[in-house]
Amino acid sequence: MSIRLDISRKEEVVGTLYATSIFKHISRSMYLFLMWFIDLKTAVSLGKFSRTENIFMAHFSNFLNKEHFSNFLNQKDSDLAFVLRSNLLGMETQLKEAIAKYTTDPGVQECQALLEELDSLLELSLEPTPTNEDKIPETNPLPEDDPFEPISSLSENEMDSLLKPSLEAIPKNEEKIPETNSSLEKDSSFDDAFEPISSQSENKFDSFLEPSLEAIPKNEEKIPETNSSLEDHFFEPIPSPSGNELKLIRLQELLLAENKLSEYVGSVELNSNNDSDLWQEVQCLLLRLPEPEANRWRKIALKLALEVGGEKDERSLTLVPFTKDEIVYPGLTGKLEAKGLCLSTQEKLDPRLTQTNLPEELLFLAKVISLYLKFIELDPQIHHAFKTVDRFGVRRLSLDSEQKSKYINALIDRFQWAVTTEESGDILKILQARIDLDEAIHSLVYIPPVPRDSWWGKLQKECRDTLKEPARKAGNQVKIRPLWGSYADIRSRSKYDLEVDSGGTPGEVLACLRVYAEIQGEVLPGRVLFRGQR
């Protein structure tokens, strides 16, 4: 195959290779390498790098000439070298994972030889010799801080350790996120009215995560549109920073280059064109990460803001009503100005909700809904999967004003109905109305759905826990189950489920939108988002 493969033939060539018997004698690792190489060629052809294309391809054709290839990788002022270094690191991680899975693959030996080459090539390019001013010391693992604990100032050594490039592999399926002590996560027994239906075994599926590195285009430089079927490809050239860039551009670049984040948030999107909005966008993103990872990035974000003249500000805050007073994330002042977010017991409920004579649990839910309504305006990444509004898909609210308006109205209507039935005193009607409201609350989602030990995951758990009391009052004639675990195990108890293609483990439930319930012998199916097995 010629090294100058026509980009328009990418899908044809790779598809033919995959479909023929020749592929049986080619390892999955080598196939992944071929895909990666063609993506590099795509970047050269679509971007502004045509003037250096011949130099780049000459270096690639001499891949086994370590000296030539290493020299190219170490060109620190080269955009192409940066793209190549980042994707070689991503490919190295994936191939190590693949070798561990496919021990009998016919390409294992060749793949191991390739990894040895990559290790030696990346050693110098990814770990430059530190100067006296910025040596990177060895440190102990970071403690898992409280996600709401005020962010304290870090020493230079501590911050350097936080910014040290991470080379750890993507977690395997057996490395599970620790479960919290919750009544939702005990042994499954149908005697308890509020226990989850979960899988008794775990299914493991083959998967490769392609390297993800989105472009950060300058304001004055737009990537030209093309008619190619590859124009929406994730692999785009990254322009060099200039003096007119965002002050927080280093934070933006670090987040975009961190492949590990794709496990939790999919493809990282940071589209802000000013520092104030970027700070907001980054902090909203961190609320979707598991607590330890979120804490690590909060410290990095604050340190980088301080380095460019920003100061931590705990007075310039957007207030949202809640049952406790807590700063979710701080604002910035000084050379950077950005608002933070604070939960407040003094802030009034959203005016569209009933304000007075609310029982404790409904008051809590009213504050959660007020918070939801604020986040719908703050975070452009929020979606809804509410069957009452649209049963056929997951809709991004910032891209569809009609869906946004319909979801907000439906959420408020469900709350108002729960208030009305509470006044009636009918225990079973109260429970049904609360289940309906719980579904509306849990149908505000991200794609992929958030981990249960993230800030959002913990908030959702608090909301679902409010079903316990009305279920207890209804007695033995009621059984309620959140649906988790293997989708194959729970699908008989759910209806109108939706499949997503990112996050979690293939074949597993990623979000329980509606609980399964039996009320006086009547079965009310649940509803879930699950990861497909493809």
Protein backbone atom coordinates (compact mmCIF):
# COMPACT_ATOMS: atom_id res chain seq x y z
CA MET A 1 0.00 0.00 0.00
CA SER A 2 1.44 3.39 -0.94
CA ILE A 3 2.30 5.61 1.98
CA ARG A 4 0.62 8.51 0.16
CA LEU A 5 -2.85 7.07 0.64
CA ASP A 6 -5.57 9.27 -0.83
CA ILE A 7 -7.69 10.56 2.07
CA SER A 8 -10.93 10.07 0.15
CA ARG A 9 -10.16 6.34 -0.02
CA LYS A 10 -9.65 5.90 3.73
CA GLU A 11 -12.94 4.17 4.48
CA GLU A 12 -12.76 2.09 1.29
CA VAL A 13 -9.23 0.79 1.94
CA VAL A 14 -9.66 0.11 5.64
CA GLY A 15 -13.10 -1.40 5.11
CA THR A 16 -11.75 -3.73 2.41
CA LEU A 17 -8.86 -4.77 4.63
CA TYR A 18 -11.20 -5.51 7.50
CA ALA A 19 -13.62 -7.55 5.37
CA THR A 20 -11.11 -9.78 3.56
CA SER A 21 -9.46 -12.95 4.77
CA ILE A 22 -6.13 -11.07 4.86
CA PHE A 23 -7.36 -9.40 8.05
CA LYS A 24 -7.37 -12.77 9.80
CA HIS A 25 -3.58 -12.69 9.60
CA ILE A 26 -3.28 -9.07 10.72
CA SER A 27 -3.52 -8.27 14.41
CA ARG A 28 -6.03 -5.89 15.90
CA SER A 29 -3.09 -3.82 17.08
CA MET A 30 -1.74 -3.40 13.56
CA TYR A 31 -5.22 -2.47 12.31
CA LEU A 32 -5.47 0.19 15.02
CA PHE A 33 -2.03 1.48 13.97
CA LEU A 34 -3.16 1.73 10.33
CA MET A 35 -6.25 3.72 11.34
CA TRP A 36 -4.10 6.05 13.44
CA PHE A 37 -1.64 6.65 10.60
CA ILE A 38 -4.40 7.52 8.14
CA ASP A 39 -5.81 9.98 10.69
CA LEU A 40 -2.39 11.68 10.84
CA LYS A 41 -2.39 11.96 7.07
CA THR A 42 -5.92 13.38 7.28
CA ALA A 43 -4.76 16.09 9.68
CA VAL A 44 -1.97 17.09 7.31
CA SER A 45 -4.34 17.29 4.35
CA LEU A 46 -7.17 19.15 6.08
CA GLY A 47 -5.11 21.60 8.12
CA LYS A 48 -2.66 24.39 7.48
CA PHE A 49 0.36 22.11 7.41
CA SER A 50 0.65 21.42 3.70
CA ARG A 51 3.94 23.30 3.58
CA THR A 52 5.55 20.72 5.88
CA GLU A 53 3.75 17.67 4.56
CA ASN A 54 6.73 16.35 2.61
CA ILE A 55 9.02 16.71 5.64
CA PHE A 56 6.50 14.92 7.86
CA MET A 57 5.93 12.05 5.44
CA ALA A 58 9.65 11.64 4.91
CA HIS A 59 10.10 11.21 8.66
CA PHE A 60 7.23 8.75 8.84
CA SER A 61 8.55 6.65 5.98
CA ASN A 62 11.78 6.35 7.98
CA PHE A 63 9.88 5.22 11.06
CA LEU A 64 12.37 2.50 11.90
CA ASN A 65 15.16 5.06 11.73
CA LYS A 66 14.95 6.03 15.37
CA GLU A 67 17.29 8.98 15.08
CA HIS A 68 15.28 10.69 12.34
CA PHE A 69 11.91 10.03 14.00
CA SER A 70 13.14 11.14 17.43
CA ASN A 71 14.48 14.39 15.99
CA PHE A 72 11.09 15.14 14.51
CA LEU A 73 9.26 14.37 17.78
CA ASN A 74 11.54 16.73 19.69
CA GLN A 75 10.79 19.75 17.53
CA LYS A 76 9.03 21.64 20.30
CA ASP A 77 7.89 24.47 18.03
CA SER A 78 6.26 22.13 15.54
CA ASP A 79 2.47 21.73 15.53
CA LEU A 80 2.77 18.42 13.71
CA ALA A 81 5.24 17.11 16.27
CA PHE A 82 2.83 18.04 19.08
CA VAL A 83 -0.04 16.22 17.34
CA LEU A 84 2.17 13.19 16.78
CA ARG A 85 3.52 13.05 20.35
CA SER A 86 0.04 13.23 21.85
CA ASN A 87 -1.38 10.49 19.63
CA LEU A 88 1.63 8.21 19.99
CA LEU A 89 1.10 8.35 23.74
CA GLY A 90 -2.60 7.52 23.31
CA MET A 91 -1.81 4.67 20.94
CA GLU A 92 0.83 3.30 23.31
CA THR A 93 -1.70 3.15 26.16
CA GLN A 94 -4.30 1.41 23.99
CA LEU A 95 -1.85 -1.15 22.64
CA LYS A 96 -0.70 -2.06 26.15
CA GLU A 97 -4.34 -2.58 27.09
CA ALA A 98 -4.92 -4.63 23.93
CA ILE A 99 -1.92 -6.91 24.55
CA ALA A 100 -3.22 -7.65 28.04
CA LYS A 101 -6.60 -8.67 26.58
CA TYR A 102 -5.62 -10.47 23.39
CA THR A 103 -2.76 -12.66 24.60
CA THR A 104 -3.23 -15.17 21.77
CA ASP A 105 -3.44 -12.58 19.00
CA PRO A 106 -1.04 -13.37 16.09
CA GLY A 107 0.34 -9.83 16.22
CA VAL A 108 1.41 -9.80 19.89
CA GLN A 109 5.15 -10.09 19.21
CA GLU A 110 5.10 -7.39 16.55
CA CYS A 111 3.00 -5.17 18.82
CA GLN A 112 5.44 -5.63 21.71
CA ALA A 113 8.33 -4.69 19.43
CA LEU A 114 6.40 -1.59 18.37
CA LEU A 115 5.76 -0.67 22.00
CA GLU A 116 9.47 -0.91 22.78
CA GLU A 117 10.14 1.52 19.95
CA LEU A 118 7.40 3.86 21.17
CA ASP A 119 8.71 3.75 24.76
CA SER A 120 12.17 4.78 23.70
CA LEU A 121 10.90 7.46 21.31
CA LEU A 122 8.48 8.99 23.80
CA GLU A 123 10.86 8.89 26.75
CA LEU A 124 12.70 12.03 25.69
CA SER A 125 9.91 13.81 23.83
CA LEU A 126 7.36 13.49 26.65
CA GLU A 127 9.75 13.99 29.55
CA PRO A 128 12.14 16.83 28.71
CA THR A 129 15.09 17.40 31.00
CA PRO A 130 13.80 19.82 33.65
CA THR A 131 15.57 23.10 34.24
CA ASN A 132 16.58 24.30 37.68
CA GLU A 133 13.41 26.37 37.81
CA ASP A 134 10.90 23.60 37.09
CA LYS A 135 12.23 20.25 38.19
CA ILE A 136 9.51 17.67 38.80
CA PRO A 137 9.97 15.91 42.16
CA GLU A 138 8.69 12.49 43.09
CA THR A 139 5.53 12.77 45.18
CA ASN A 140 3.13 10.54 47.04
CA PRO A 141 -0.37 9.95 45.62
CA LEU A 142 -2.80 12.79 46.18
CA PRO A 143 -5.32 12.47 49.02
CA GLU A 144 -8.95 12.28 48.07
CA ASP A 145 -10.18 15.67 49.29
CA ASP A 146 -13.73 16.64 50.13
CA PRO A 147 -15.20 17.98 46.84
CA PHE A 148 -16.70 20.96 48.68
CA GLU A 149 -13.64 21.72 50.83
CA PRO A 150 -12.26 25.22 50.07
CA ILE A 151 -9.34 25.02 47.68
CA SER A 152 -6.19 25.91 49.57
CA SER A 153 -3.00 27.34 48.14
CA LEU A 154 -0.54 24.74 46.93
CA SER A 155 3.19 24.72 47.16
CA GLU A 156 5.20 24.79 43.95
CA ASN A 157 6.27 21.17 44.40
CA GLU A 158 2.69 20.01 44.99
CA MET A 159 1.48 21.75 41.87
CA ASP A 160 4.31 20.39 39.77
CA SER A 161 3.33 16.89 40.82
CA LEU A 162 -0.26 17.57 39.80
CA LEU A 163 0.83 18.70 36.36
CA LYS A 164 3.19 15.77 35.75
CA PRO A 165 2.01 13.88 32.63
CA SER A 166 -0.01 10.81 33.48
CA LEU A 167 0.99 7.60 31.69
CA GLU A 168 -1.32 5.20 33.49
CA ALA A 169 -3.45 2.89 31.37
CA ILE A 170 -7.18 3.18 30.97
CA PRO A 171 -8.85 1.29 33.87
CA LYS A 172 -9.96 -2.23 33.08
CA ASN A 173 -13.50 -3.44 33.61
CA GLU A 174 -12.62 -5.09 36.89
CA GLU A 175 -11.42 -1.83 38.42
CA LYS A 176 -14.76 -0.59 39.67
CA ILE A 177 -15.56 2.79 41.22
CA PRO A 178 -16.09 2.30 44.98
CA GLU A 179 -19.73 2.05 45.90
CA THR A 180 -21.12 4.42 48.54
CA ASN A 181 -22.91 3.19 51.64
CA SER A 182 -26.44 3.60 50.47
CA SER A 183 -29.70 1.81 50.91
CA LEU A 184 -29.83 1.70 47.14
CA GLU A 185 -26.78 -0.58 46.95
CA LYS A 186 -27.31 -3.44 49.41
CA ASP A 187 -27.85 -7.11 48.68
CA SER A 188 -30.81 -7.54 46.38
CA SER A 189 -33.77 -8.96 48.30
CA PHE A 190 -37.38 -8.50 47.30
CA ASP A 191 -38.42 -8.21 50.96
CA ASP A 192 -37.11 -4.65 51.15
CA ALA A 193 -39.32 -2.21 49.25
CA PHE A 194 -36.45 -0.08 48.02
CA GLU A 195 -33.50 -2.14 46.77
CA PRO A 196 -31.88 -2.08 43.34
CA ILE A 197 -32.19 -4.81 40.77
CA SER A 198 -28.60 -5.46 39.78
CA SER A 199 -26.62 -7.96 37.81
CA GLN A 200 -25.23 -11.04 39.56
CA SER A 201 -22.36 -11.28 37.11
CA GLU A 202 -20.32 -8.99 34.96
CA ASN A 203 -20.01 -9.19 31.22
CA LYS A 204 -16.76 -8.17 29.61
CA PHE A 205 -16.66 -6.92 26.07
CA ASP A 206 -13.93 -6.03 23.63
CA SER A 207 -13.42 -2.33 23.20
CA PHE A 208 -10.86 0.09 21.90
CA LEU A 209 -10.91 3.75 22.86
CA GLU A 210 -9.54 5.84 20.02
CA PRO A 211 -7.29 8.75 21.00
CA SER A 212 -9.29 11.96 21.31
CA LEU A 213 -7.62 15.31 20.79
CA GLU A 214 -9.85 18.12 19.63
CA ALA A 215 -8.66 21.25 17.88
CA ILE A 216 -8.33 24.58 19.65
CA PRO A 217 -8.76 26.99 16.72
CA LYS A 218 -7.69 30.60 17.00
CA ASN A 219 -10.34 33.27 16.68
CA GLU A 220 -8.83 34.50 13.44
CA GLU A 221 -8.14 31.04 11.98
CA LYS A 222 -11.02 28.80 11.03
CA ILE A 223 -10.51 25.23 9.86
CA PRO A 224 -11.81 25.12 6.30
CA GLU A 225 -14.93 23.13 5.62
CA THR A 226 -14.66 20.22 3.24
CA ASN A 227 -17.06 17.84 1.54
CA SER A 228 -15.13 14.83 2.80
CA SER A 229 -16.95 12.24 4.87
CA LEU A 230 -14.15 12.73 7.38
CA GLU A 231 -14.80 16.43 7.99
CA ASP A 232 -16.33 15.80 11.43
CA HIS A 233 -13.47 13.53 12.47
CA PHE A 234 -12.12 14.05 15.98
CA PHE A 235 -8.58 14.46 14.70
CA GLU A 236 -7.93 18.07 13.78
CA PRO A 237 -4.78 20.21 13.76
CA ILE A 238 -4.00 22.24 16.85
CA PRO A 239 -2.71 25.75 16.13
CA SER A 240 0.13 27.29 18.10
CA PRO A 241 -0.85 29.73 20.85
CA SER A 242 -0.33 33.43 20.21
CA GLY A 243 -0.13 36.50 22.39
CA ASN A 244 -3.85 37.22 21.96
CA GLU A 245 -5.03 33.85 23.28
CA LEU A 246 -7.06 33.25 26.44
CA LYS A 247 -5.11 33.62 29.67
CA LEU A 248 -6.42 30.21 30.70
CA ILE A 249 -5.46 28.56 27.41
CA ARG A 250 -2.98 26.27 29.16
CA LEU A 251 -5.82 24.86 31.28
CA GLN A 252 -7.91 24.42 28.14
CA GLU A 253 -5.10 22.58 26.35
CA LEU A 254 -4.41 20.27 29.31
CA LEU A 255 -8.06 19.23 29.54
CA LEU A 256 -8.39 18.67 25.81
CA ALA A 257 -5.24 16.53 25.77
CA GLU A 258 -6.22 14.37 28.78
CA ASN A 259 -7.50 11.15 27.18
CA LYS A 260 -8.60 9.73 30.53
CA LEU A 261 -11.44 12.26 30.75
CA SER A 262 -13.20 10.68 27.76
CA GLU A 263 -14.13 7.76 30.01
CA TYR A 264 -16.35 10.08 32.06
CA VAL A 265 -17.40 12.94 29.77
CA GLY A 266 -16.88 11.61 26.24
CA SER A 267 -15.27 14.07 23.86
CA VAL A 268 -14.23 17.14 25.88
CA GLU A 269 -15.82 20.32 24.53
CA LEU A 270 -14.50 23.72 25.66
CA ASN A 271 -15.85 26.30 23.23
CA SER A 272 -15.61 29.53 25.24
CA ASN A 273 -13.85 32.53 23.67
CA ASN A 274 -13.22 34.41 26.92
CA ASP A 275 -11.71 33.47 30.28
CA SER A 276 -14.85 34.12 32.33
CA ASP A 277 -16.94 31.68 30.30
CA LEU A 278 -14.08 29.18 30.08
CA TRP A 279 -13.76 29.10 33.90
CA GLN A 280 -17.49 28.42 34.13
CA GLU A 281 -17.33 25.74 31.44
CA VAL A 282 -14.38 23.96 33.08
CA GLN A 283 -15.97 23.97 36.54
CA CYS A 284 -19.23 22.53 35.18
CA LEU A 285 -17.19 19.81 33.47
CA LEU A 286 -15.45 18.89 36.74
CA LEU A 287 -18.80 18.31 38.49
CA ARG A 288 -19.24 15.30 36.19
CA LEU A 289 -16.00 13.57 37.25
CA PRO A 290 -15.46 11.11 40.11
CA GLU A 291 -14.56 12.99 43.28
CA PRO A 292 -10.79 12.28 43.38
CA GLU A 293 -10.30 13.22 39.73
CA ALA A 294 -12.43 16.35 40.12
CA ASN A 295 -10.41 17.48 43.15
CA ARG A 296 -7.16 17.02 41.27
CA TRP A 297 -8.33 19.15 38.35
CA ARG A 298 -9.81 21.85 40.62
CA LYS A 299 -6.38 22.38 42.14
CA ILE A 300 -4.73 22.45 38.72
CA ALA A 301 -7.31 24.97 37.44
CA LEU A 302 -6.84 27.31 40.41
CA LYS A 303 -3.05 27.10 40.26
CA LEU A 304 -3.02 27.95 36.55
CA ALA A 305 -5.41 30.86 37.16
CA LEU A 306 -3.11 32.22 39.87
CA GLU A 307 -0.10 31.95 37.55
CA VAL A 308 -1.66 34.34 35.03
CA GLY A 309 -2.70 36.96 37.58
CA GLY A 310 -6.05 35.67 38.79
CA GLU A 311 -7.05 35.55 42.44
CA LYS A 312 -9.46 33.20 44.17
CA ASP A 313 -12.74 35.01 44.88
CA GLU A 314 -15.35 33.59 47.26
CA ARG A 315 -17.57 36.68 47.16
CA SER A 316 -18.43 36.96 43.48
CA LEU A 317 -20.79 33.98 43.43
CA THR A 318 -23.98 32.88 41.70
CA LEU A 319 -26.34 31.72 44.46
CA VAL A 320 -28.70 28.77 44.08
CA PRO A 321 -31.16 27.60 46.75
CA PHE A 322 -30.32 24.47 48.69
CA THR A 323 -30.55 22.90 52.15
CA LYS A 324 -26.97 23.89 53.09
CA ASP A 325 -24.51 26.72 52.52
CA GLU A 326 -21.57 25.57 50.43
CA ILE A 327 -19.29 26.94 47.73
CA VAL A 328 -19.42 24.51 44.81
CA TYR A 329 -16.55 26.31 43.06
CA PRO A 330 -14.96 29.75 43.62
CA GLY A 331 -14.91 32.73 41.32
CA LEU A 332 -11.87 34.69 40.13
CA THR A 333 -10.77 38.31 40.47
CA GLY A 334 -7.62 40.27 39.67
CA LYS A 335 -6.48 39.95 36.06
CA LEU A 336 -9.17 37.29 35.58
CA GLU A 337 -12.80 37.85 36.42
CA ALA A 338 -15.25 34.97 36.69
CA LYS A 339 -18.17 34.07 38.90
CA GLY A 340 -18.26 31.05 41.19
CA LEU A 341 -21.25 29.00 42.33
CA CYS A 342 -22.61 28.71 45.85
CA LEU A 343 -25.41 26.69 47.43
CA SER A 344 -27.39 28.91 49.82
CA THR A 345 -30.11 28.31 52.39
CA GLN A 346 -31.11 31.99 52.06
CA GLU A 347 -31.68 32.02 48.30
CA LYS A 348 -35.33 31.92 47.26
CA LEU A 349 -36.86 29.16 45.18
CA ASP A 350 -37.40 29.62 41.46
CA PRO A 351 -40.54 31.80 41.22
CA ARG A 352 -42.22 29.26 38.92
CA LEU A 353 -42.51 26.79 41.82
CA THR A 354 -44.93 26.72 44.76
CA GLN A 355 -43.24 28.65 47.55
CA THR A 356 -45.17 28.06 50.77
CA ASN A 357 -46.37 25.28 53.07
CA LEU A 358 -44.13 22.63 51.54
CA PRO A 359 -43.32 19.51 53.60
CA GLU A 360 -39.62 18.89 54.21
CA GLU A 361 -39.02 16.46 51.35
CA LEU A 362 -40.93 18.53 48.79
CA LEU A 363 -39.04 21.65 49.93
CA PHE A 364 -35.78 19.79 49.32
CA LEU A 365 -36.98 18.72 45.85
CA ALA A 366 -38.10 22.28 45.09
CA LYS A 367 -34.58 23.50 45.85
CA VAL A 368 -33.08 20.77 43.66
CA ILE A 369 -35.39 21.74 40.79
CA SER A 370 -34.44 25.41 41.25
CA LEU A 371 -30.80 24.33 41.01
CA TYR A 372 -31.59 22.29 37.88
CA LEU A 373 -33.25 25.28 36.23
CA LYS A 374 -30.14 27.37 36.94
CA PHE A 375 -27.79 24.73 35.51
CA ILE A 376 -29.87 24.40 32.35
CA GLU A 377 -28.90 28.02 31.66
CA LEU A 378 -25.28 27.67 32.87
CA ASP A 379 -24.12 24.44 31.20
CA PRO A 380 -24.57 23.92 27.44
CA GLN A 381 -23.70 20.20 27.79
CA ILE A 382 -26.92 19.23 29.63
CA HIS A 383 -29.39 16.87 27.89
CA HIS A 384 -32.81 15.49 28.68
CA ALA A 385 -34.19 11.98 28.18
CA PHE A 386 -37.71 12.60 29.54
CA LYS A 387 -40.19 10.23 27.87
CA THR A 388 -43.10 12.63 28.37
CA VAL A 389 -41.33 15.16 26.14
CA ASP A 390 -39.59 12.83 23.68
CA ARG A 391 -39.45 9.06 24.10
CA PHE A 392 -37.16 8.39 21.15
CA GLY A 393 -33.85 9.98 22.07
CA VAL A 394 -31.60 12.07 24.30
CA ARG A 395 -31.76 15.78 23.40
CA ARG A 396 -29.17 18.46 24.08
CA LEU A 397 -31.09 21.42 25.50
CA SER A 398 -28.71 24.16 24.34
CA LEU A 399 -29.21 23.07 20.72
CA ASP A 400 -33.01 22.78 20.75
CA SER A 401 -34.97 25.64 22.33
CA GLU A 402 -38.27 23.84 21.84
CA GLN A 403 -37.10 20.72 23.68
CA LYS A 404 -35.61 22.90 26.41
CA SER A 405 -38.89 24.76 26.94
CA LYS A 406 -40.93 21.54 26.91
CA TYR A 407 -38.65 19.80 29.42
CA ILE A 408 -38.68 22.77 31.83
CA ASN A 409 -42.49 23.00 31.67
CA ALA A 410 -42.89 19.24 32.19
CA LEU A 411 -40.49 19.26 35.16
CA ILE A 412 -42.39 22.12 36.83
CA ASP A 413 -45.77 20.46 36.10
CA ARG A 414 -44.59 17.20 37.72
CA PHE A 415 -43.54 19.12 40.83
CA GLN A 416 -46.84 21.02 41.03
CA TRP A 417 -48.76 17.74 40.70
CA ALA A 418 -46.72 16.22 43.53
CA VAL A 419 -47.64 19.22 45.73
CA THR A 420 -51.34 18.84 44.84
CA THR A 421 -51.48 15.11 45.61
CA GLU A 422 -49.60 15.68 48.90
CA GLU A 423 -52.49 17.87 50.01
CA SER A 424 -55.00 15.13 49.15
CA GLY A 425 -53.60 12.73 51.75
CA ASP A 426 -54.04 9.67 49.48
CA ILE A 427 -50.89 7.62 50.21
CA LEU A 428 -50.82 5.66 46.95
CA LYS A 429 -51.52 8.71 44.77
CA ILE A 430 -48.79 10.59 46.62
CA LEU A 431 -46.33 7.77 45.92
CA GLN A 432 -47.23 7.61 42.21
CA ALA A 433 -46.87 11.38 41.86
CA ARG A 434 -43.47 11.25 43.59
CA ILE A 435 -42.27 8.45 41.28
CA ASP A 436 -43.34 10.57 38.29
CA LEU A 437 -41.47 13.58 39.70
CA ASP A 438 -38.41 11.44 40.39
CA GLU A 439 -38.41 10.38 36.73
CA ALA A 440 -38.53 14.01 35.58
CA ILE A 441 -35.58 14.90 37.84
CA HIS A 442 -33.45 11.92 36.80
CA SER A 443 -34.19 12.53 33.10
CA LEU A 444 -31.90 15.58 33.14
CA VAL A 445 -28.67 13.88 32.08
CA TYR A 446 -25.27 14.25 30.52
CA ILE A 447 -23.86 12.09 27.72
CA PRO A 448 -22.26 9.90 28.82
CA PRO A 449 -24.22 9.73 32.10
CA VAL A 450 -22.31 10.86 35.20
CA PRO A 451 -20.59 8.37 37.57
CA ARG A 452 -22.42 7.83 40.83
CA ASP A 453 -19.50 9.19 42.88
CA SER A 454 -19.46 12.53 41.03
CA TRP A 455 -21.05 15.72 42.41
CA TRP A 456 -24.05 15.21 40.12
CA GLY A 457 -24.29 11.51 40.95
CA LYS A 458 -24.44 12.21 44.68
CA LEU A 459 -27.10 14.90 44.20
CA GLN A 460 -29.25 12.48 42.18
CA LYS A 461 -28.92 9.85 44.91
CA GLU A 462 -30.18 12.33 47.51
CA CYS A 463 -33.20 13.00 45.32
CA ARG A 464 -34.01 9.32 44.85
CA ASP A 465 -33.70 8.68 48.58
CA THR A 466 -36.79 10.86 49.07
CA LEU A 467 -38.90 7.98 47.65
CA LYS A 468 -38.15 5.84 50.70
CA GLU A 469 -40.57 7.55 53.07
CA PRO A 470 -43.68 7.50 50.85
CA ALA A 471 -42.87 3.87 49.93
CA ARG A 472 -42.59 2.98 53.63
CA LYS A 473 -45.92 4.64 54.38
CA ALA A 474 -47.60 2.62 51.62
CA GLY A 475 -46.59 -0.62 53.39
CA ASN A 476 -46.23 -4.13 51.98
CA GLN A 477 -48.53 -3.49 49.02
CA VAL A 478 -45.71 -1.51 47.38
CA LYS A 479 -42.35 -2.63 45.99
CA ILE A 480 -39.88 -0.23 44.39
CA ARG A 481 -36.56 -1.00 42.69
CA PRO A 482 -33.98 1.24 41.05
CA LEU A 483 -32.58 -0.62 38.02
CA TRP A 484 -28.81 -1.10 37.84
CA GLY A 485 -26.31 -3.70 36.65
CA SER A 486 -26.47 -5.78 33.48
CA TYR A 487 -29.10 -4.53 31.04
CA ALA A 488 -29.87 -8.13 30.04
CA ASP A 489 -30.87 -8.85 33.64
CA ILE A 490 -33.23 -5.90 34.10
CA ARG A 491 -34.72 -5.33 30.66
CA SER A 492 -37.88 -7.33 31.49
CA ARG A 493 -38.64 -4.72 34.17
CA SER A 494 -38.09 -1.65 31.99
CA LYS A 495 -39.68 -0.09 28.93
CA TYR A 496 -38.79 2.56 26.34
CA ASP A 497 -35.11 2.30 27.25
CA LEU A 498 -32.45 4.29 25.39
CA GLU A 499 -29.05 3.08 24.22
CA VAL A 500 -25.94 5.27 24.30
CA ASP A 501 -22.54 4.53 22.80
CA SER A 502 -20.17 6.01 25.39
CA GLY A 503 -19.38 5.77 29.09
CA GLY A 504 -19.35 2.87 31.52
CA THR A 505 -19.16 -0.79 30.54
CA PRO A 506 -20.80 -2.22 27.39
CA GLY A 507 -24.02 -4.02 28.26
CA GLU A 508 -24.46 -2.18 31.59
CA VAL A 509 -27.10 0.28 32.83
CA LEU A 510 -25.60 3.78 32.98
CA ALA A 511 -28.56 5.70 34.39
CA CYS A 512 -31.87 4.68 35.96
CA LEU A 513 -34.32 7.28 34.69
CA ARG A 514 -37.40 5.74 36.35
CA VAL A 515 -37.63 3.14 39.11
CA TYR A 516 -39.50 -0.15 38.68
CA ALA A 517 -42.57 -0.32 40.92
CA GLU A 518 -45.39 -2.68 41.91
CA ILE A 519 -48.34 -0.89 43.53
CA GLN A 520 -51.26 -3.04 44.66
CA GLY A 521 -50.34 -5.68 42.09
CA GLU A 522 -50.02 -3.19 39.22
CA VAL A 523 -46.62 -3.26 37.54
CA LEU A 524 -45.11 0.10 36.55
CA PRO A 525 -42.01 -0.54 34.38
CA GLY A 526 -38.83 1.42 34.92
CA ARG A 527 -36.72 3.13 32.28
CA VAL A 528 -32.94 3.27 31.82
CA LEU A 529 -30.06 4.51 29.70
CA PHE A 530 -27.71 1.63 28.89
CA ARG A 531 -24.45 1.16 27.04
CA GLY A 532 -24.81 -0.93 23.91
CA GLN A 533 -22.61 -3.98 23.34
CA ARG A 534 -21.43 -2.87 19.89
